[in-house]
Amino acid sequence: MITGSTRVAGVIGSPVRHSLSPAMHNAAFADAGLDWVYAAFEVVRGAGGAALAAMRSLGIAGLSVTMPHKDTVAAAVDTLDPAAAALGTANTVVLQPDGRLAGYNTDGAGFIASLREAGIDTSGMQVAVLGAGGAARAVIDALARSGAAGIVVVNRSAERGELAARLAGSIGRLGTAADITTADLVVNATSIGMGTADVPCDPSALRSAQVIADLVYHPLETELLRAARACGATGVDGLGMLVHQAVLQQQLWTGVRPNPAVMRAAAEQELAARHR
């Protein structure tokens, strides 16, 4: 029950009504017995700064940030964590007791947590990241911080690929499709396969000893993951990253670590309801 003491959190973006975040966060609040509620706020492009001002004035305790506001929010908050500062984007804002706004980026750490949940340790791995957009950049930064031995970025635009690879420092470089076969971990950080039967690389390049992670979670079992499992490789779906970045967000807001299984179940239930 919502009362006068209920704390409020939410997600800002445009479009945002499709977000799975309300289902995940509200389920976790209820499971933990926390007097919090989470809502979606449609905030048009260019109004991210105004949303932060409203956050302060209304006392909204926490925000998730999605497109197109991640860079605007990172530039407008009072402090940034190392990942958000390196990427220039923030997906999480915390209203501190003194009224200051702290920005974080939990996307990359959420990806690493999803791999760990699957029993995968990225330290010492050779990694091929497909794509150079926001999701790819967060993954590259996190992989470099988690001890990967080498990271190659495979992208249609060499210029964007080189910029993304620089986030990995000395272990990052621009690669080609040939690097997919020799990688220990292959990450699809593009939107290829979202709602389609397309694959972001030639399935014949995959090997049984590899881990194939697809950040796409609609559908949950993408054609890339089917190809990976067909050749005996280990597949990791994209819902894990979504869940674990949300776990980290809620822990930052409340100080209480939510149950990832509860959040994943809520997300899966919401996805199933949309496709009936």
C-alpha atoms as a PDB file:
ATOM      1  CA  MET A   1       0.000   0.000   0.000  1.00  0.00           C
ATOM      2  CA  ILE A   2       1.304   3.454  -0.940  1.00  0.00           C
ATOM      3  CA  THR A   3       1.411   5.829   2.012  1.00  0.00           C
ATOM      4  CA  GLY A   4       2.755   9.272   2.826  1.00  0.00           C
ATOM      5  CA  SER A   5       6.087   7.720   3.765  1.00  0.00           C
ATOM      6  CA  THR A   6       6.490   5.639   0.595  1.00  0.00           C
ATOM      7  CA  ARG A   7       9.783   6.332  -1.191  1.00  0.00           C
ATOM      8  CA  VAL A   8       9.573   6.858  -4.948  1.00  0.00           C
ATOM      9  CA  ALA A   9      11.938   5.714  -7.682  1.00  0.00           C
ATOM     10  CA  GLY A  10      11.428   5.515 -11.420  1.00  0.00           C
ATOM     11  CA  VAL A  11      12.828   5.356 -14.917  1.00  0.00           C
ATOM     12  CA  ILE A  12      13.116   8.297 -17.317  1.00  0.00           C
ATOM     13  CA  GLY A  13      13.364   7.851 -21.070  1.00  0.00           C
ATOM     14  CA  SER A  14      11.571   8.244 -24.379  1.00  0.00           C
ATOM     15  CA  PRO A  15       9.972   5.930 -25.256  1.00  0.00           C
ATOM     16  CA  VAL A  16       9.713   4.295 -21.851  1.00  0.00           C
ATOM     17  CA  ARG A  17       6.310   2.606 -21.554  1.00  0.00           C
ATOM     18  CA  HIS A  18       7.793  -0.676 -22.813  1.00  0.00           C
ATOM     19  CA  SER A  19      10.322  -0.816 -19.962  1.00  0.00           C
ATOM     20  CA  LEU A  20      10.553  -3.967 -17.842  1.00  0.00           C
ATOM     21  CA  SER A  21      12.040  -1.955 -14.970  1.00  0.00           C
ATOM     22  CA  PRO A  22       8.759  -1.213 -13.117  1.00  0.00           C
ATOM     23  CA  ALA A  23       7.883  -4.914 -12.999  1.00  0.00           C
ATOM     24  CA  MET A  24      11.357  -5.901 -11.792  1.00  0.00           C
ATOM     25  CA  HIS A  25      11.848  -3.178  -9.191  1.00  0.00           C
ATOM     26  CA  ASN A  26       8.347  -3.309  -7.723  1.00  0.00           C
ATOM     27  CA  ALA A  27       8.566  -7.092  -7.375  1.00  0.00           C
ATOM     28  CA  ALA A  28      11.909  -6.752  -5.564  1.00  0.00           C
ATOM     29  CA  PHE A  29      10.608  -3.989  -3.270  1.00  0.00           C
ATOM     30  CA  ALA A  30       7.667  -6.181  -2.293  1.00  0.00           C
ATOM     31  CA  ASP A  31       9.872  -9.229  -1.774  1.00  0.00           C
ATOM     32  CA  ALA A  32      12.193  -7.258   0.546  1.00  0.00           C
ATOM     33  CA  GLY A  33       9.305  -5.635   2.422  1.00  0.00           C
ATOM     34  CA  LEU A  34      10.458  -2.146   1.451  1.00  0.00           C
ATOM     35  CA  ASP A  35       8.019   0.791   1.428  1.00  0.00           C
ATOM     36  CA  TRP A  36       9.080   1.887  -2.052  1.00  0.00           C
ATOM     37  CA  VAL A  37       7.293   2.224  -5.391  1.00  0.00           C
ATOM     38  CA  TYR A  38       8.729   2.492  -8.912  1.00  0.00           C
ATOM     39  CA  ALA A  39       7.121   4.166 -11.936  1.00  0.00           C
ATOM     40  CA  ALA A  40       7.942   5.013 -15.553  1.00  0.00           C
ATOM     41  CA  PHE A  41       8.234   8.693 -16.502  1.00  0.00           C
ATOM     42  CA  GLU A  42       8.104   9.650 -20.173  1.00  0.00           C
ATOM     43  CA  VAL A  43      10.687  12.437 -20.523  1.00  0.00           C
ATOM     44  CA  VAL A  44      11.229  13.823 -24.008  1.00  0.00           C
ATOM     45  CA  ARG A  45      14.666  14.378 -25.525  1.00  0.00           C
ATOM     46  CA  GLY A  46      16.328  17.481 -24.138  1.00  0.00           C
ATOM     47  CA  ALA A  47      14.422  17.438 -20.851  1.00  0.00           C
ATOM     48  CA  GLY A  48      16.786  15.224 -18.861  1.00  0.00           C
ATOM     49  CA  GLY A  49      18.137  18.169 -16.878  1.00  0.00           C
ATOM     50  CA  ALA A  50      14.605  19.277 -15.999  1.00  0.00           C
ATOM     51  CA  ALA A  51      13.843  15.739 -14.817  1.00  0.00           C
ATOM     52  CA  LEU A  52      16.801  15.899 -12.425  1.00  0.00           C
ATOM     53  CA  ALA A  53      15.580  19.242 -11.095  1.00  0.00           C
ATOM     54  CA  ALA A  54      12.182  17.646 -10.497  1.00  0.00           C
ATOM     55  CA  MET A  55      13.887  14.733  -8.785  1.00  0.00           C
ATOM     56  CA  ARG A  56      15.449  17.135  -6.295  1.00  0.00           C
ATOM     57  CA  SER A  57      12.324  19.222  -5.711  1.00  0.00           C
ATOM     58  CA  LEU A  58       9.974  16.224  -5.371  1.00  0.00           C
ATOM     59  CA  GLY A  59      12.362  14.130  -3.330  1.00  0.00           C
ATOM     60  CA  ILE A  60      12.389  11.227  -5.793  1.00  0.00           C
ATOM     61  CA  ALA A  61      14.919   8.915  -4.186  1.00  0.00           C
ATOM     62  CA  GLY A  62      16.285   7.162  -7.252  1.00  0.00           C
ATOM     63  CA  LEU A  63      16.124   7.153 -11.019  1.00  0.00           C
ATOM     64  CA  SER A  64      16.992   4.691 -13.724  1.00  0.00           C
ATOM     65  CA  VAL A  65      18.010   6.461 -16.924  1.00  0.00           C
ATOM     66  CA  THR A  66      17.547   5.125 -20.429  1.00  0.00           C
ATOM     67  CA  MET A  67      17.766   6.591 -23.928  1.00  0.00           C
ATOM     68  CA  PRO A  68      18.035   9.387 -24.844  1.00  0.00           C
ATOM     69  CA  HIS A  69      19.140  10.856 -21.502  1.00  0.00           C
ATOM     70  CA  LYS A  70      22.200   8.915 -20.333  1.00  0.00           C
ATOM     71  CA  ASP A  71      24.793  11.438 -21.522  1.00  0.00           C
ATOM     72  CA  THR A  72      22.751  14.488 -20.487  1.00  0.00           C
ATOM     73  CA  VAL A  73      22.261  13.090 -16.999  1.00  0.00           C
ATOM     74  CA  ALA A  74      25.956  12.251 -16.643  1.00  0.00           C
ATOM     75  CA  ALA A  75      26.810  15.864 -17.407  1.00  0.00           C
ATOM     76  CA  ALA A  76      24.209  17.267 -14.995  1.00  0.00           C
ATOM     77  CA  VAL A  77      24.695  15.272 -11.761  1.00  0.00           C
ATOM     78  CA  ASP A  78      27.025  16.376  -8.971  1.00  0.00           C
ATOM     79  CA  THR A  79      29.244  13.261  -8.850  1.00  0.00           C
ATOM     80  CA  LEU A  80      29.955  10.257 -11.060  1.00  0.00           C
ATOM     81  CA  ASP A  81      31.279   6.811 -10.271  1.00  0.00           C
ATOM     82  CA  PRO A  82      34.367   5.665 -12.253  1.00  0.00           C
ATOM     83  CA  ALA A  83      32.408   3.722 -14.871  1.00  0.00           C
ATOM     84  CA  ALA A  84      29.987   6.583 -15.561  1.00  0.00           C
ATOM     85  CA  ALA A  85      32.872   9.056 -15.743  1.00  0.00           C
ATOM     86  CA  ALA A  86      34.801   6.878 -18.213  1.00  0.00           C
ATOM     87  CA  LEU A  87      31.764   6.295 -20.423  1.00  0.00           C
ATOM     88  CA  GLY A  88      30.272   9.776 -20.146  1.00  0.00           C
ATOM     89  CA  THR A  89      26.884   8.179 -19.507  1.00  0.00           C
ATOM     90  CA  ALA A  90      24.851   7.416 -16.386  1.00  0.00           C
ATOM     91  CA  ASN A  91      21.985   4.936 -16.091  1.00  0.00           C
ATOM     92  CA  THR A  92      21.383   5.456 -12.359  1.00  0.00           C
ATOM     93  CA  VAL A  93      20.914   8.512 -10.137  1.00  0.00           C
ATOM     94  CA  VAL A  94      20.763   8.551  -6.349  1.00  0.00           C
ATOM     95  CA  LEU A  95      19.365  11.502  -4.385  1.00  0.00           C
ATOM     96  CA  GLN A  96      21.731  11.861  -1.431  1.00  0.00           C
ATOM     97  CA  PRO A  97      20.665  13.145   2.006  1.00  0.00           C
ATOM     98  CA  ASP A  98      22.347  16.513   1.357  1.00  0.00           C
ATOM     99  CA  GLY A  99      20.372  16.984  -1.896  1.00  0.00           C
ATOM    100  CA  ARG A 100      23.292  16.227  -4.198  1.00  0.00           C
ATOM    101  CA  LEU A 101      22.765  13.853  -7.103  1.00  0.00           C
ATOM    102  CA  ALA A 102      25.183  10.962  -7.602  1.00  0.00           C
ATOM    103  CA  GLY A 103      25.375   9.297 -11.006  1.00  0.00           C
ATOM    104  CA  TYR A 104      26.392   5.721 -11.694  1.00  0.00           C
ATOM    105  CA  ASN A 105      26.604   3.364 -14.640  1.00  0.00           C
ATOM    106  CA  THR A 106      25.643  -0.178 -13.616  1.00  0.00           C
ATOM    107  CA  ASP A 107      25.298  -1.617 -17.135  1.00  0.00           C
ATOM    108  CA  GLY A 108      28.794  -3.054 -17.441  1.00  0.00           C
ATOM    109  CA  ALA A 109      28.925  -4.348 -13.888  1.00  0.00           C
ATOM    110  CA  GLY A 110      25.513  -5.919 -14.460  1.00  0.00           C
ATOM    111  CA  PHE A 111      26.900  -7.756 -17.489  1.00  0.00           C
ATOM    112  CA  ILE A 112      29.851  -9.114 -15.510  1.00  0.00           C
ATOM    113  CA  ALA A 113      27.471 -10.194 -12.723  1.00  0.00           C
ATOM    114  CA  SER A 114      25.293 -12.045 -15.240  1.00  0.00           C
ATOM    115  CA  LEU A 115      28.341 -13.980 -16.447  1.00  0.00           C
ATOM    116  CA  ARG A 116      29.365 -14.818 -12.902  1.00  0.00           C
ATOM    117  CA  GLU A 117      25.854 -16.079 -12.215  1.00  0.00           C
ATOM    118  CA  ALA A 118      26.373 -18.441 -15.162  1.00  0.00           C
ATOM    119  CA  GLY A 119      29.669 -19.614 -13.638  1.00  0.00           C
ATOM    120  CA  ILE A 120      31.890 -17.658 -16.036  1.00  0.00           C
ATOM    121  CA  ASP A 121      35.023 -15.812 -14.893  1.00  0.00           C
ATOM    122  CA  THR A 122      36.242 -13.295 -17.471  1.00  0.00           C
ATOM    123  CA  SER A 123      39.722 -12.849 -16.026  1.00  0.00           C
ATOM    124  CA  GLY A 124      42.360 -13.878 -18.574  1.00  0.00           C
ATOM    125  CA  MET A 125      39.821 -14.214 -21.393  1.00  0.00           C
ATOM    126  CA  GLN A 126      40.245 -13.071 -24.973  1.00  0.00           C
ATOM    127  CA  VAL A 127      37.010 -11.274 -25.865  1.00  0.00           C
ATOM    128  CA  ALA A 128      35.377 -10.188 -29.120  1.00  0.00           C
ATOM    129  CA  VAL A 129      32.699  -7.519 -28.727  1.00  0.00           C
ATOM    130  CA  LEU A 130      30.350  -7.031 -31.670  1.00  0.00           C
ATOM    131  CA  GLY A 131      29.227  -3.404 -31.872  1.00  0.00           C
ATOM    132  CA  ALA A 132      30.464  -0.052 -30.616  1.00  0.00           C
ATOM    133  CA  GLY A 133      27.337   1.668 -29.269  1.00  0.00           C
ATOM    134  CA  GLY A 134      26.424   2.484 -25.700  1.00  0.00           C
ATOM    135  CA  ALA A 135      25.889  -1.113 -24.588  1.00  0.00           C
ATOM    136  CA  ALA A 136      29.131  -2.238 -26.224  1.00  0.00           C
ATOM    137  CA  ARG A 137      31.084   0.571 -24.583  1.00  0.00           C
ATOM    138  CA  ALA A 138      29.739  -0.318 -21.130  1.00  0.00           C
ATOM    139  CA  VAL A 139      30.656  -3.973 -21.673  1.00  0.00           C
ATOM    140  CA  ILE A 140      34.155  -3.123 -22.928  1.00  0.00           C
ATOM    141  CA  ASP A 141      34.851  -0.869 -19.937  1.00  0.00           C
ATOM    142  CA  ALA A 142      33.612  -3.522 -17.484  1.00  0.00           C
ATOM    143  CA  LEU A 143      35.529  -6.363 -19.142  1.00  0.00           C
ATOM    144  CA  ALA A 144      38.746  -4.346 -18.940  1.00  0.00           C
ATOM    145  CA  ARG A 145      38.110  -3.686 -15.243  1.00  0.00           C
ATOM    146  CA  SER A 146      37.349  -7.372 -14.605  1.00  0.00           C
ATOM    147  CA  GLY A 147      40.690  -8.659 -15.844  1.00  0.00           C
ATOM    148  CA  ALA A 148      40.100  -9.697 -19.452  1.00  0.00           C
ATOM    149  CA  ALA A 149      43.395 -10.370 -21.238  1.00  0.00           C
ATOM    150  CA  GLY A 150      42.398  -8.849 -24.571  1.00  0.00           C
ATOM    151  CA  ILE A 151      39.370  -7.171 -26.122  1.00  0.00           C
ATOM    152  CA  VAL A 152      38.765  -6.783 -29.852  1.00  0.00           C
ATOM    153  CA  VAL A 153      35.902  -4.667 -31.150  1.00  0.00           C
ATOM    154  CA  VAL A 154      34.231  -5.793 -34.371  1.00  0.00           C
ATOM    155  CA  ASN A 155      32.134  -3.002 -35.849  1.00  0.00           C
ATOM    156  CA  ARG A 156      30.988  -1.823 -39.263  1.00  0.00           C
ATOM    157  CA  SER A 157      32.387   1.663 -38.651  1.00  0.00           C
ATOM    158  CA  ALA A 158      36.120   1.444 -37.986  1.00  0.00           C
ATOM    159  CA  GLU A 159      36.208   4.923 -36.468  1.00  0.00           C
ATOM    160  CA  ARG A 160      33.530   4.146 -33.872  1.00  0.00           C
ATOM    161  CA  GLY A 161      35.094   0.759 -33.247  1.00  0.00           C
ATOM    162  CA  GLU A 162      38.489   2.299 -32.513  1.00  0.00           C
ATOM    163  CA  LEU A 163      36.945   4.805 -30.095  1.00  0.00           C
ATOM    164  CA  ALA A 164      35.181   2.002 -28.248  1.00  0.00           C
ATOM    165  CA  ALA A 165      38.325  -0.142 -28.131  1.00  0.00           C
ATOM    166  CA  ARG A 166      40.226   2.698 -26.436  1.00  0.00           C
ATOM    167  CA  LEU A 167      38.048   2.212 -23.353  1.00  0.00           C
ATOM    168  CA  ALA A 168      39.975  -1.032 -22.779  1.00  0.00           C
ATOM    169  CA  GLY A 169      43.324   0.747 -22.786  1.00  0.00           C
ATOM    170  CA  SER A 170      46.333  -1.311 -23.834  1.00  0.00           C
ATOM    171  CA  ILE A 171      44.329  -4.549 -24.106  1.00  0.00           C
ATOM    172  CA  GLY A 172      41.810  -3.120 -26.590  1.00  0.00           C
ATOM    173  CA  ARG A 173      42.027  -2.983 -30.372  1.00  0.00           C
ATOM    174  CA  LEU A 174      39.876  -2.844 -33.475  1.00  0.00           C
ATOM    175  CA  GLY A 175      39.290  -6.319 -34.867  1.00  0.00           C
ATOM    176  CA  THR A 176      37.657  -8.124 -37.770  1.00  0.00           C
ATOM    177  CA  ALA A 177      35.221 -11.001 -38.130  1.00  0.00           C
ATOM    178  CA  ALA A 178      38.218 -13.359 -38.156  1.00  0.00           C
ATOM    179  CA  ASP A 179      38.795 -12.562 -34.459  1.00  0.00           C
ATOM    180  CA  ILE A 180      35.458 -14.122 -33.501  1.00  0.00           C
ATOM    181  CA  THR A 181      36.764 -17.664 -33.966  1.00  0.00           C
ATOM    182  CA  THR A 182      39.788 -17.182 -31.705  1.00  0.00           C
ATOM    183  CA  ALA A 183      37.926 -15.432 -28.862  1.00  0.00           C
ATOM    184  CA  ASP A 184      37.078 -17.180 -25.599  1.00  0.00           C
ATOM    185  CA  LEU A 185      34.051 -14.939 -25.127  1.00  0.00           C
ATOM    186  CA  VAL A 186      31.953 -13.398 -27.910  1.00  0.00           C
ATOM    187  CA  VAL A 187      29.495 -10.648 -26.945  1.00  0.00           C
ATOM    188  CA  ASN A 188      26.750  -9.439 -29.262  1.00  0.00           C
ATOM    189  CA  ALA A 189      26.263  -5.833 -28.168  1.00  0.00           C
ATOM    190  CA  THR A 190      24.331  -4.849 -31.295  1.00  0.00           C
ATOM    191  CA  SER A 191      20.558  -4.881 -31.779  1.00  0.00           C
ATOM    192  CA  ILE A 192      20.842  -7.534 -34.499  1.00  0.00           C
ATOM    193  CA  GLY A 193      18.501 -10.385 -33.624  1.00  0.00           C
ATOM    194  CA  MET A 194      16.031  -8.227 -31.698  1.00  0.00           C
ATOM    195  CA  GLY A 195      12.648  -9.493 -32.816  1.00  0.00           C
ATOM    196  CA  THR A 196      14.178 -11.043 -35.939  1.00  0.00           C
ATOM    197  CA  ALA A 197      15.913 -14.237 -37.035  1.00  0.00           C
ATOM    198  CA  ASP A 198      19.072 -12.351 -38.005  1.00  0.00           C
ATOM    199  CA  VAL A 199      22.505 -13.137 -36.549  1.00  0.00           C
ATOM    200  CA  PRO A 200      25.341 -10.606 -36.014  1.00  0.00           C
ATOM    201  CA  CYS A 201      28.076 -12.959 -37.257  1.00  0.00           C
ATOM    202  CA  ASP A 202      28.604 -16.101 -39.315  1.00  0.00           C
ATOM    203  CA  PRO A 203      27.481 -19.036 -37.104  1.00  0.00           C
ATOM    204  CA  SER A 204      30.246 -21.185 -38.606  1.00  0.00           C
ATOM    205  CA  ALA A 205      32.785 -18.956 -36.803  1.00  0.00           C
ATOM    206  CA  LEU A 206      31.591 -20.195 -33.402  1.00  0.00           C
ATOM    207  CA  ARG A 207      33.376 -22.980 -31.489  1.00  0.00           C
ATOM    208  CA  SER A 208      32.278 -25.389 -28.790  1.00  0.00           C
ATOM    209  CA  ALA A 209      34.797 -24.067 -26.234  1.00  0.00           C
ATOM    210  CA  GLN A 210      33.446 -20.511 -26.423  1.00  0.00           C
ATOM    211  CA  VAL A 211      31.034 -18.522 -24.317  1.00  0.00           C
ATOM    212  CA  ILE A 212      28.533 -16.604 -26.461  1.00  0.00           C
ATOM    213  CA  ALA A 213      26.692 -13.776 -24.721  1.00  0.00           C
ATOM    214  CA  ASP A 214      23.846 -11.976 -26.486  1.00  0.00           C
ATOM    215  CA  LEU A 215      22.636  -8.706 -24.932  1.00  0.00           C
ATOM    216  CA  VAL A 216      19.378  -8.989 -26.881  1.00  0.00           C
ATOM    217  CA  TYR A 217      16.570 -10.378 -24.717  1.00  0.00           C
ATOM    218  CA  HIS A 218      13.634 -10.131 -27.152  1.00  0.00           C
ATOM    219  CA  PRO A 219      13.458 -12.937 -28.025  1.00  0.00           C
ATOM    220  CA  LEU A 220      15.165 -14.506 -25.027  1.00  0.00           C
ATOM    221  CA  GLU A 221      16.491 -17.353 -27.186  1.00  0.00           C
ATOM    222  CA  THR A 222      17.998 -15.516 -30.151  1.00  0.00           C
ATOM    223  CA  GLU A 223      19.213 -17.151 -33.335  1.00  0.00           C
ATOM    224  CA  LEU A 224      22.785 -16.445 -32.202  1.00  0.00           C
ATOM    225  CA  LEU A 225      22.228 -18.364 -28.965  1.00  0.00           C
ATOM    226  CA  ARG A 226      20.604 -21.218 -30.870  1.00  0.00           C
ATOM    227  CA  ALA A 227      23.653 -21.386 -33.131  1.00  0.00           C
ATOM    228  CA  ALA A 228      25.963 -21.286 -30.116  1.00  0.00           C
ATOM    229  CA  ARG A 229      24.210 -24.145 -28.368  1.00  0.00           C
ATOM    230  CA  ALA A 230      24.003 -26.132 -31.600  1.00  0.00           C
ATOM    231  CA  CYS A 231      27.800 -26.169 -31.800  1.00  0.00           C
ATOM    232  CA  GLY A 232      28.209 -26.952 -28.090  1.00  0.00           C
ATOM    233  CA  ALA A 233      29.167 -23.461 -26.931  1.00  0.00           C
ATOM    234  CA  THR A 234      27.897 -21.943 -23.679  1.00  0.00           C
ATOM    235  CA  GLY A 235      25.152 -19.365 -24.253  1.00  0.00           C
ATOM    236  CA  VAL A 236      24.237 -16.470 -21.955  1.00  0.00           C
ATOM    237  CA  ASP A 237      21.040 -14.521 -22.694  1.00  0.00           C
ATOM    238  CA  GLY A 238      20.594 -10.757 -22.416  1.00  0.00           C
ATOM    239  CA  LEU A 239      18.020 -10.771 -19.638  1.00  0.00           C
ATOM    240  CA  GLY A 240      20.738 -11.497 -17.074  1.00  0.00           C
ATOM    241  CA  MET A 241      22.466  -8.181 -17.752  1.00  0.00           C
ATOM    242  CA  LEU A 242      19.165  -6.301 -17.511  1.00  0.00           C
ATOM    243  CA  VAL A 243      18.365  -7.961 -14.196  1.00  0.00           C
ATOM    244  CA  HIS A 244      21.768  -7.488 -12.615  1.00  0.00           C
ATOM    245  CA  GLN A 245      22.167  -3.849 -13.599  1.00  0.00           C
ATOM    246  CA  ALA A 246      18.784  -3.325 -11.898  1.00  0.00           C
ATOM    247  CA  VAL A 247      19.959  -5.260  -8.824  1.00  0.00           C
ATOM    248  CA  LEU A 248      22.882  -2.847  -8.497  1.00  0.00           C
ATOM    249  CA  GLN A 249      20.596   0.159  -8.996  1.00  0.00           C
ATOM    250  CA  GLN A 250      18.206  -0.878  -6.255  1.00  0.00           C
ATOM    251  CA  GLN A 251      21.062  -1.610  -3.875  1.00  0.00           C
ATOM    252  CA  LEU A 252      22.424   1.898  -4.482  1.00  0.00           C
ATOM    253  CA  TRP A 253      19.021   3.472  -3.716  1.00  0.00           C
ATOM    254  CA  THR A 254      17.989   1.423  -0.699  1.00  0.00           C
ATOM    255  CA  GLY A 255      21.165  -0.085   0.739  1.00  0.00           C
ATOM    256  CA  VAL A 256      19.489  -3.500   0.474  1.00  0.00           C
ATOM    257  CA  ARG A 257      20.526  -6.034  -2.158  1.00  0.00           C
ATOM    258  CA  PRO A 258      17.401  -7.373  -3.902  1.00  0.00           C
ATOM    259  CA  ASN A 259      16.916 -10.967  -4.944  1.00  0.00           C
ATOM    260  CA  PRO A 260      17.953 -11.354  -8.628  1.00  0.00           C
ATOM    261  CA  ALA A 261      15.701 -14.399  -9.027  1.00  0.00           C
ATOM    262  CA  VAL A 262      12.654 -12.351  -8.022  1.00  0.00           C
ATOM    263  CA  MET A 263      13.539  -9.634 -10.538  1.00  0.00           C
ATOM    264  CA  ARG A 264      14.151 -12.105 -13.336  1.00  0.00           C
ATOM    265  CA  ALA A 265      10.887 -13.929 -12.678  1.00  0.00           C
ATOM    266  CA  ALA A 266       9.003 -10.609 -12.824  1.00  0.00           C
ATOM    267  CA  ALA A 267      10.699  -9.683 -16.105  1.00  0.00           C
ATOM    268  CA  GLU A 268       9.966 -13.073 -17.656  1.00  0.00           C
ATOM    269  CA  GLN A 269       6.337 -12.880 -16.538  1.00  0.00           C
ATOM    270  CA  GLU A 270       5.988  -9.407 -18.071  1.00  0.00           C
ATOM    271  CA  LEU A 271       7.565 -10.540 -21.344  1.00  0.00           C
ATOM    272  CA  ALA A 272       5.268 -13.560 -21.486  1.00  0.00           C
ATOM    273  CA  ALA A 273       2.197 -11.394 -20.855  1.00  0.00           C
ATOM    274  CA  ARG A 274       3.123  -9.111 -23.756  1.00  0.00           C
ATOM    275  CA  HIS A 275       3.375 -12.006 -26.194  1.00  0.00           C
ATOM    276  CA  ARG A 276       0.161 -13.820 -25.407  1.00  0.00           C
END
